[in-house]
Amino acid sequence: MTPLQSEVSRATFAQRFHARVGEPPMTYLTHWRMLLASEKLADLQLTIAGIAADVGYGSPFALSAAFKRRYGLSPAAYRQRHCRFGGGA
């Protein structure tokens, strides 16, 4: 549910979301995007740019920056380390 759908202010929405979920909306969204991206990296047919678009980033550079903050590796390095021999992400 978005603030517009619930007819509450953005601040109220964020407060209620945090109280219910345990983290701010953007933190939750970023966590979810990183989880999806890490799973998609196991599919070697997908490009980093395609994964970025699939999980809601405007560019592969934006995905890479967020991914590095979360995992300490670029998406390409993560893919190489975790998926090189067909292992899961």
N, C-alpha and C. Protein backbone atom coordinates (compact mmCIF):
# COMPACT_ATOMS: atom_id res chain seq x y z
N MET A 1 0.84 -1.17 0.00
CA MET A 1 0.00 0.00 0.00
C MET A 1 0.90 1.24 0.00
N THR A 2 0.56 2.19 -0.82
CA THR A 2 1.33 3.43 -0.89
C THR A 2 0.63 4.51 -0.09
N PRO A 3 1.33 5.60 0.23
CA PRO A 3 0.68 6.70 0.95
C PRO A 3 -0.55 7.22 0.22
N LEU A 4 -0.51 7.26 -1.10
CA LEU A 4 -1.65 7.77 -1.88
C LEU A 4 -2.85 6.85 -1.70
N GLN A 5 -2.65 5.56 -1.76
CA GLN A 5 -3.74 4.61 -1.62
C GLN A 5 -4.33 4.63 -0.21
N SER A 6 -3.53 4.89 0.78
CA SER A 6 -4.00 4.86 2.15
C SER A 6 -4.47 6.22 2.64
N GLU A 7 -4.29 7.24 1.82
CA GLU A 7 -4.70 8.61 2.15
C GLU A 7 -4.08 9.12 3.45
N VAL A 8 -2.82 8.80 3.66
CA VAL A 8 -2.07 9.34 4.79
C VAL A 8 -0.82 10.01 4.23
N SER A 9 -0.21 10.83 5.05
CA SER A 9 1.01 11.50 4.61
C SER A 9 2.14 10.49 4.44
N ARG A 10 3.15 10.90 3.72
CA ARG A 10 4.32 10.04 3.53
C ARG A 10 4.97 9.71 4.87
N ALA A 11 5.05 10.71 5.75
CA ALA A 11 5.66 10.49 7.07
C ALA A 11 4.86 9.49 7.89
N THR A 12 3.54 9.62 7.86
CA THR A 12 2.68 8.69 8.61
C THR A 12 2.81 7.29 8.04
N PHE A 13 2.80 7.20 6.72
CA PHE A 13 2.99 5.90 6.08
C PHE A 13 4.30 5.27 6.52
N ALA A 14 5.39 6.05 6.47
CA ALA A 14 6.71 5.54 6.84
C ALA A 14 6.72 5.08 8.30
N GLN A 15 6.09 5.86 9.16
CA GLN A 15 6.01 5.49 10.59
C GLN A 15 5.27 4.18 10.78
N ARG A 16 4.13 4.05 10.13
CA ARG A 16 3.32 2.84 10.27
C ARG A 16 4.02 1.63 9.66
N PHE A 17 4.64 1.84 8.53
CA PHE A 17 5.37 0.76 7.86
C PHE A 17 6.49 0.27 8.77
N HIS A 18 7.25 1.21 9.32
CA HIS A 18 8.36 0.86 10.21
C HIS A 18 7.86 0.11 11.43
N ALA A 19 6.75 0.56 11.99
CA ALA A 19 6.20 -0.11 13.18
C ALA A 19 5.76 -1.53 12.85
N ARG A 20 5.20 -1.73 11.68
CA ARG A 20 4.69 -3.05 11.32
C ARG A 20 5.79 -3.99 10.81
N VAL A 21 6.71 -3.47 10.00
CA VAL A 21 7.71 -4.31 9.33
C VAL A 21 9.03 -4.35 10.09
N GLY A 22 9.32 -3.27 10.82
CA GLY A 22 10.55 -3.25 11.60
C GLY A 22 11.70 -2.50 10.96
N GLU A 23 11.46 -1.93 9.79
CA GLU A 23 12.47 -1.11 9.12
C GLU A 23 11.77 -0.11 8.21
N PRO A 24 12.45 0.99 7.87
CA PRO A 24 11.84 2.00 7.01
C PRO A 24 11.52 1.43 5.62
N PRO A 25 10.53 2.01 4.93
CA PRO A 25 10.15 1.50 3.62
C PRO A 25 11.30 1.41 2.61
N MET A 26 12.15 2.41 2.53
CA MET A 26 13.23 2.37 1.55
C MET A 26 14.28 1.33 1.90
N THR A 27 14.53 1.12 3.18
CA THR A 27 15.46 0.07 3.59
C THR A 27 14.90 -1.29 3.20
N TYR A 28 13.62 -1.49 3.44
CA TYR A 28 12.96 -2.74 3.07
C TYR A 28 13.01 -2.95 1.56
N LEU A 29 12.69 -1.91 0.81
CA LEU A 29 12.70 -2.01 -0.65
C LEU A 29 14.10 -2.33 -1.17
N THR A 30 15.11 -1.66 -0.64
CA THR A 30 16.49 -1.92 -1.06
C THR A 30 16.89 -3.35 -0.73
N HIS A 31 16.55 -3.81 0.46
CA HIS A 31 16.86 -5.19 0.85
C HIS A 31 16.20 -6.17 -0.12
N TRP A 32 14.94 -5.94 -0.43
CA TRP A 32 14.21 -6.82 -1.34
C TRP A 32 14.84 -6.81 -2.74
N ARG A 33 15.19 -5.63 -3.23
CA ARG A 33 15.84 -5.53 -4.54
C ARG A 33 17.18 -6.27 -4.57
N MET A 34 17.95 -6.15 -3.51
CA MET A 34 19.25 -6.84 -3.45
C MET A 34 19.06 -8.35 -3.42
N LEU A 35 18.07 -8.82 -2.69
CA LEU A 35 17.78 -10.25 -2.65
C LEU A 35 17.40 -10.75 -4.04
N LEU A 36 16.50 -10.04 -4.71
CA LEU A 36 16.10 -10.43 -6.07
C LEU A 36 17.28 -10.40 -7.02
N ALA A 37 18.09 -9.35 -6.94
CA ALA A 37 19.25 -9.24 -7.82
C ALA A 37 20.22 -10.38 -7.58
N SER A 38 20.49 -10.71 -6.32
CA SER A 38 21.43 -11.80 -6.04
C SER A 38 20.92 -13.13 -6.58
N GLU A 39 19.61 -13.34 -6.52
CA GLU A 39 19.03 -14.56 -7.08
C GLU A 39 19.13 -14.57 -8.61
N LYS A 40 18.85 -13.43 -9.23
CA LYS A 40 18.90 -13.34 -10.69
C LYS A 40 20.32 -13.50 -11.22
N LEU A 41 21.30 -13.13 -10.43
CA LEU A 41 22.69 -13.27 -10.88
C LEU A 41 23.08 -14.73 -11.12
N ALA A 42 22.34 -15.66 -10.54
CA ALA A 42 22.62 -17.07 -10.77
C ALA A 42 22.29 -17.49 -12.21
N ASP A 43 21.42 -16.71 -12.86
CA ASP A 43 21.07 -17.00 -14.26
C ASP A 43 22.08 -16.30 -15.16
N LEU A 44 23.02 -17.06 -15.67
CA LEU A 44 24.11 -16.48 -16.46
C LEU A 44 23.65 -15.94 -17.81
N GLN A 45 22.40 -16.20 -18.18
CA GLN A 45 21.86 -15.66 -19.42
C GLN A 45 21.42 -14.20 -19.26
N LEU A 46 21.21 -13.76 -18.03
CA LEU A 46 20.76 -12.39 -17.76
C LEU A 46 21.95 -11.46 -17.67
N THR A 47 21.81 -10.28 -18.26
CA THR A 47 22.86 -9.27 -18.16
C THR A 47 22.68 -8.47 -16.88
N ILE A 48 23.74 -7.83 -16.45
CA ILE A 48 23.66 -6.96 -15.27
C ILE A 48 22.67 -5.82 -15.55
N ALA A 49 22.70 -5.27 -16.75
CA ALA A 49 21.77 -4.19 -17.12
C ALA A 49 20.33 -4.69 -17.06
N GLY A 50 20.09 -5.90 -17.54
CA GLY A 50 18.75 -6.47 -17.49
C GLY A 50 18.28 -6.71 -16.07
N ILE A 51 19.18 -7.20 -15.24
CA ILE A 51 18.85 -7.43 -13.83
C ILE A 51 18.54 -6.10 -13.15
N ALA A 52 19.35 -5.08 -13.44
CA ALA A 52 19.12 -3.75 -12.85
C ALA A 52 17.71 -3.28 -13.18
N ALA A 53 17.33 -3.39 -14.45
CA ALA A 53 15.98 -2.96 -14.86
C ALA A 53 14.91 -3.81 -14.19
N ASP A 54 15.13 -5.12 -14.13
CA ASP A 54 14.15 -6.03 -13.53
C ASP A 54 13.87 -5.72 -12.07
N VAL A 55 14.87 -5.29 -11.33
CA VAL A 55 14.69 -5.07 -9.90
C VAL A 55 14.47 -3.60 -9.55
N GLY A 56 14.33 -2.75 -10.57
CA GLY A 56 13.91 -1.38 -10.32
C GLY A 56 14.98 -0.32 -10.30
N TYR A 57 16.16 -0.62 -10.80
CA TYR A 57 17.22 0.39 -10.88
C TYR A 57 17.27 0.97 -12.28
N GLY A 58 17.54 2.25 -12.39
CA GLY A 58 17.56 2.95 -13.66
C GLY A 58 18.78 2.66 -14.51
N SER A 59 19.80 2.11 -13.90
CA SER A 59 21.01 1.81 -14.65
C SER A 59 21.79 0.70 -13.95
N PRO A 60 22.67 0.04 -14.69
CA PRO A 60 23.51 -0.96 -14.03
C PRO A 60 24.46 -0.33 -13.01
N PHE A 61 24.80 0.94 -13.22
CA PHE A 61 25.69 1.64 -12.28
C PHE A 61 25.00 1.84 -10.93
N ALA A 62 23.71 2.19 -10.97
CA ALA A 62 22.95 2.36 -9.73
C ALA A 62 22.83 1.04 -8.98
N LEU A 63 22.54 -0.04 -9.72
CA LEU A 63 22.49 -1.36 -9.09
C LEU A 63 23.84 -1.72 -8.49
N SER A 64 24.90 -1.49 -9.24
CA SER A 64 26.23 -1.85 -8.78
C SER A 64 26.60 -1.13 -7.49
N ALA A 65 26.29 0.16 -7.42
CA ALA A 65 26.60 0.93 -6.21
C ALA A 65 25.84 0.39 -5.00
N ALA A 66 24.54 0.13 -5.17
CA ALA A 66 23.74 -0.40 -4.07
C ALA A 66 24.20 -1.81 -3.69
N PHE A 67 24.52 -2.60 -4.69
CA PHE A 67 24.94 -3.98 -4.46
C PHE A 67 26.26 -4.01 -3.70
N LYS A 68 27.18 -3.13 -4.07
CA LYS A 68 28.48 -3.06 -3.37
C LYS A 68 28.29 -2.65 -1.91
N ARG A 69 27.37 -1.71 -1.65
CA ARG A 69 27.10 -1.32 -0.27
C ARG A 69 26.56 -2.51 0.53
N ARG A 70 25.73 -3.30 -0.08
CA ARG A 70 25.08 -4.42 0.63
C ARG A 70 26.01 -5.62 0.80
N TYR A 71 26.69 -6.02 -0.28
CA TYR A 71 27.46 -7.27 -0.28
C TYR A 71 28.97 -7.08 -0.31
N GLY A 72 29.42 -5.86 -0.55
CA GLY A 72 30.86 -5.62 -0.60
C GLY A 72 31.51 -6.06 -1.89
N LEU A 73 30.70 -6.43 -2.87
CA LEU A 73 31.18 -6.87 -4.18
C LEU A 73 30.30 -6.26 -5.26
N SER A 74 30.86 -6.09 -6.43
CA SER A 74 30.03 -5.68 -7.57
C SER A 74 29.16 -6.87 -7.96
N PRO A 75 28.06 -6.63 -8.68
CA PRO A 75 27.25 -7.76 -9.14
C PRO A 75 28.06 -8.77 -9.96
N ALA A 76 28.96 -8.28 -10.81
CA ALA A 76 29.77 -9.19 -11.63
C ALA A 76 30.69 -10.04 -10.76
N ALA A 77 31.31 -9.43 -9.75
CA ALA A 77 32.19 -10.18 -8.85
C ALA A 77 31.39 -11.18 -8.02
N TYR A 78 30.20 -10.76 -7.57
CA TYR A 78 29.32 -11.66 -6.82
C TYR A 78 28.94 -12.86 -7.67
N ARG A 79 28.57 -12.59 -8.91
CA ARG A 79 28.20 -13.66 -9.84
C ARG A 79 29.36 -14.62 -10.04
N GLN A 80 30.53 -14.07 -10.24
CA GLN A 80 31.71 -14.91 -10.47
C GLN A 80 32.01 -15.77 -9.24
N ARG A 81 31.92 -15.18 -8.08
CA ARG A 81 32.25 -15.91 -6.85
C ARG A 81 31.20 -16.95 -6.49
N HIS A 82 29.93 -16.61 -6.65
CA HIS A 82 28.86 -17.47 -6.16
C HIS A 82 28.23 -18.37 -7.21
N CYS A 83 28.42 -18.07 -8.46
CA CYS A 83 27.68 -18.79 -9.50
C CYS A 83 28.57 -19.43 -10.54
N ARG A 84 29.86 -19.38 -10.36
CA ARG A 84 30.79 -19.81 -11.39
C ARG A 84 30.60 -21.27 -11.80
N PHE A 85 30.32 -22.13 -10.85
CA PHE A 85 30.21 -23.55 -11.16
C PHE A 85 28.79 -24.05 -11.01
N GLY A 86 27.84 -23.14 -11.25
CA GLY A 86 26.45 -23.55 -11.20
C GLY A 86 25.85 -23.56 -9.82
N GLY A 87 26.59 -23.05 -8.83
CA GLY A 87 26.06 -22.99 -7.48
C GLY A 87 25.04 -21.89 -7.36
N GLY A 88 24.20 -21.94 -6.37
CA GLY A 88 23.19 -20.92 -6.17
C GLY A 88 23.78 -19.66 -5.61
N ALA A 89 23.00 -18.59 -5.72
CA ALA A 89 23.44 -17.29 -5.21
C ALA A 89 23.27 -17.23 -3.72
